[in-house]
Amino acid sequence: MKGKELHSMTDEELKTKLGELKSELFNLRFRHASGQLDNPMTIATCKKDIARVNTVIRERELKAKG
């Protein structure tokens, strides 16, 4: 997921995407613990996507205040 894609989303879309990513991370961790995960790097990628979404949400909060 690219930053430009996130910046073009609305606030509601970002919150929905954040929920999807968190549930995906839970599923990835569960699959990793049970030994069914083929590529463990998908966990790191998912975490980075969550951080990107949180960053855009926080930028918008600060922009709205200031």
N, C-alpha and C. Protein backbone atom coordinates (compact mmCIF):
# COMPACT_ATOMS: atom_id res chain seq x y z
N MET A 1 0.84 -1.17 0.00
CA MET A 1 0.00 0.00 0.00
C MET A 1 0.89 1.24 0.00
N LYS A 2 0.59 2.16 -0.88
CA LYS A 2 1.37 3.37 -1.03
C LYS A 2 0.74 4.52 -0.25
N GLY A 3 1.57 5.48 0.11
CA GLY A 3 1.09 6.64 0.85
C GLY A 3 0.10 7.47 0.06
N LYS A 4 0.31 7.57 -1.25
CA LYS A 4 -0.60 8.35 -2.09
C LYS A 4 -2.00 7.75 -2.09
N GLU A 5 -2.06 6.43 -2.08
CA GLU A 5 -3.36 5.76 -2.02
C GLU A 5 -4.08 6.10 -0.72
N LEU A 6 -3.33 6.12 0.37
CA LEU A 6 -3.93 6.40 1.67
C LEU A 6 -4.40 7.85 1.78
N HIS A 7 -3.61 8.77 1.24
CA HIS A 7 -3.98 10.18 1.32
C HIS A 7 -5.22 10.48 0.50
N SER A 8 -5.52 9.67 -0.50
CA SER A 8 -6.71 9.92 -1.32
C SER A 8 -7.98 9.33 -0.70
N MET A 9 -7.83 8.54 0.37
CA MET A 9 -8.99 7.93 1.02
C MET A 9 -9.65 8.91 1.99
N THR A 10 -10.94 8.68 2.25
CA THR A 10 -11.64 9.49 3.25
C THR A 10 -11.34 8.94 4.64
N ASP A 11 -11.77 9.68 5.66
CA ASP A 11 -11.52 9.26 7.03
C ASP A 11 -12.20 7.92 7.34
N GLU A 12 -13.43 7.76 6.87
CA GLU A 12 -14.15 6.51 7.12
C GLU A 12 -13.48 5.33 6.41
N GLU A 13 -13.01 5.56 5.21
CA GLU A 13 -12.31 4.50 4.47
C GLU A 13 -11.03 4.10 5.19
N LEU A 14 -10.33 5.08 5.77
CA LEU A 14 -9.10 4.79 6.50
C LEU A 14 -9.39 3.96 7.74
N LYS A 15 -10.46 4.30 8.46
CA LYS A 15 -10.81 3.54 9.65
C LYS A 15 -11.21 2.12 9.29
N THR A 16 -11.93 1.96 8.18
CA THR A 16 -12.31 0.63 7.72
C THR A 16 -11.07 -0.17 7.33
N LYS A 17 -10.16 0.47 6.61
CA LYS A 17 -8.92 -0.19 6.19
C LYS A 17 -8.09 -0.60 7.40
N LEU A 18 -8.05 0.25 8.42
CA LEU A 18 -7.30 -0.06 9.63
C LEU A 18 -7.87 -1.30 10.31
N GLY A 19 -9.18 -1.40 10.37
CA GLY A 19 -9.81 -2.58 10.96
C GLY A 19 -9.51 -3.83 10.16
N GLU A 20 -9.53 -3.72 8.84
CA GLU A 20 -9.21 -4.87 7.99
C GLU A 20 -7.77 -5.32 8.19
N LEU A 21 -6.87 -4.36 8.27
CA LEU A 21 -5.46 -4.70 8.44
C LEU A 21 -5.19 -5.33 9.79
N LYS A 22 -5.86 -4.86 10.83
CA LYS A 22 -5.66 -5.44 12.15
C LYS A 22 -6.18 -6.87 12.20
N SER A 23 -7.31 -7.13 11.56
CA SER A 23 -7.82 -8.50 11.54
C SER A 23 -6.92 -9.40 10.70
N GLU A 24 -6.37 -8.84 9.62
CA GLU A 24 -5.44 -9.61 8.80
C GLU A 24 -4.18 -9.95 9.59
N LEU A 25 -3.67 -8.99 10.37
CA LEU A 25 -2.49 -9.24 11.19
C LEU A 25 -2.77 -10.34 12.21
N PHE A 26 -3.95 -10.31 12.81
CA PHE A 26 -4.32 -11.36 13.76
C PHE A 26 -4.29 -12.72 13.09
N ASN A 27 -4.88 -12.80 11.90
CA ASN A 27 -4.90 -14.07 11.16
C ASN A 27 -3.50 -14.53 10.78
N LEU A 28 -2.65 -13.59 10.37
CA LEU A 28 -1.28 -13.94 10.01
C LEU A 28 -0.52 -14.48 11.22
N ARG A 29 -0.69 -13.84 12.37
CA ARG A 29 -0.01 -14.30 13.58
C ARG A 29 -0.50 -15.69 13.98
N PHE A 30 -1.79 -15.90 13.85
CA PHE A 30 -2.36 -17.20 14.18
C PHE A 30 -1.80 -18.29 13.26
N ARG A 31 -1.74 -17.99 11.96
CA ARG A 31 -1.20 -18.95 11.01
C ARG A 31 0.29 -19.20 11.24
N HIS A 32 1.02 -18.15 11.64
CA HIS A 32 2.44 -18.30 11.93
C HIS A 32 2.66 -19.20 13.14
N ALA A 33 1.84 -19.01 14.16
CA ALA A 33 1.98 -19.81 15.38
C ALA A 33 1.66 -21.28 15.12
N SER A 34 0.73 -21.52 14.20
CA SER A 34 0.37 -22.91 13.91
C SER A 34 1.25 -23.53 12.82
N GLY A 35 2.19 -22.74 12.28
CA GLY A 35 3.12 -23.27 11.30
C GLY A 35 2.59 -23.34 9.88
N GLN A 36 1.51 -22.61 9.59
CA GLN A 36 0.91 -22.66 8.26
C GLN A 36 1.28 -21.46 7.40
N LEU A 37 2.07 -20.54 7.93
CA LEU A 37 2.41 -19.34 7.18
C LEU A 37 3.61 -19.60 6.29
N ASP A 38 3.45 -19.37 4.99
CA ASP A 38 4.53 -19.62 4.04
C ASP A 38 5.60 -18.54 4.08
N ASN A 39 5.19 -17.28 4.13
CA ASN A 39 6.13 -16.17 4.07
C ASN A 39 5.97 -15.30 5.31
N PRO A 40 6.86 -15.39 6.29
CA PRO A 40 6.73 -14.60 7.51
C PRO A 40 6.88 -13.09 7.29
N MET A 41 7.42 -12.68 6.16
CA MET A 41 7.56 -11.25 5.88
C MET A 41 6.22 -10.56 5.69
N THR A 42 5.16 -11.32 5.44
CA THR A 42 3.85 -10.71 5.29
C THR A 42 3.39 -10.07 6.60
N ILE A 43 3.88 -10.58 7.73
CA ILE A 43 3.55 -9.98 9.02
C ILE A 43 4.15 -8.58 9.11
N ALA A 44 5.41 -8.45 8.73
CA ALA A 44 6.08 -7.15 8.76
C ALA A 44 5.42 -6.17 7.79
N THR A 45 5.05 -6.65 6.63
CA THR A 45 4.39 -5.80 5.64
C THR A 45 3.06 -5.29 6.18
N CYS A 46 2.32 -6.16 6.81
CA CYS A 46 1.03 -5.79 7.37
C CYS A 46 1.20 -4.75 8.49
N LYS A 47 2.22 -4.94 9.33
CA LYS A 47 2.48 -3.98 10.40
C LYS A 47 2.83 -2.60 9.84
N LYS A 48 3.61 -2.60 8.77
CA LYS A 48 3.99 -1.32 8.15
C LYS A 48 2.78 -0.63 7.54
N ASP A 49 1.87 -1.40 6.94
CA ASP A 49 0.66 -0.81 6.39
C ASP A 49 -0.21 -0.21 7.49
N ILE A 50 -0.29 -0.89 8.63
CA ILE A 50 -1.04 -0.36 9.76
C ILE A 50 -0.43 0.96 10.23
N ALA A 51 0.90 1.00 10.29
CA ALA A 51 1.58 2.22 10.70
C ALA A 51 1.33 3.36 9.72
N ARG A 52 1.31 3.05 8.43
CA ARG A 52 1.04 4.08 7.42
C ARG A 52 -0.36 4.65 7.58
N VAL A 53 -1.34 3.78 7.80
CA VAL A 53 -2.72 4.24 7.99
C VAL A 53 -2.82 5.10 9.24
N ASN A 54 -2.21 4.64 10.33
CA ASN A 54 -2.23 5.43 11.56
C ASN A 54 -1.56 6.78 11.38
N THR A 55 -0.51 6.84 10.61
CA THR A 55 0.19 8.10 10.36
C THR A 55 -0.70 9.08 9.61
N VAL A 56 -1.40 8.61 8.59
CA VAL A 56 -2.29 9.49 7.82
C VAL A 56 -3.44 9.98 8.70
N ILE A 57 -3.99 9.09 9.52
CA ILE A 57 -5.07 9.49 10.42
C ILE A 57 -4.58 10.56 11.39
N ARG A 58 -3.40 10.38 11.93
CA ARG A 58 -2.84 11.34 12.89
C ARG A 58 -2.52 12.67 12.21
N GLU A 59 -2.01 12.64 10.98
CA GLU A 59 -1.73 13.87 10.25
C GLU A 59 -3.01 14.69 10.07
N ARG A 60 -4.09 13.99 9.75
CA ARG A 60 -5.38 14.69 9.56
C ARG A 60 -5.90 15.26 10.87
N GLU A 61 -5.70 14.55 11.98
CA GLU A 61 -6.12 15.07 13.28
C GLU A 61 -5.37 16.35 13.61
N LEU A 62 -4.06 16.35 13.38
CA LEU A 62 -3.26 17.52 13.69
C LEU A 62 -3.59 18.68 12.76
N LYS A 63 -3.89 18.37 11.50
CA LYS A 63 -4.24 19.41 10.55
C LYS A 63 -5.56 20.05 10.92
N ALA A 64 -6.49 19.26 11.43
CA ALA A 64 -7.80 19.78 11.82
C ALA A 64 -7.70 20.68 13.05
N LYS A 65 -6.78 20.37 13.96
CA LYS A 65 -6.60 21.18 15.16
C LYS A 65 -5.92 22.51 14.87
N GLY A 66 -4.95 22.48 13.99
CA GLY A 66 -4.11 23.64 13.76
C GLY A 66 -4.58 24.43 12.65
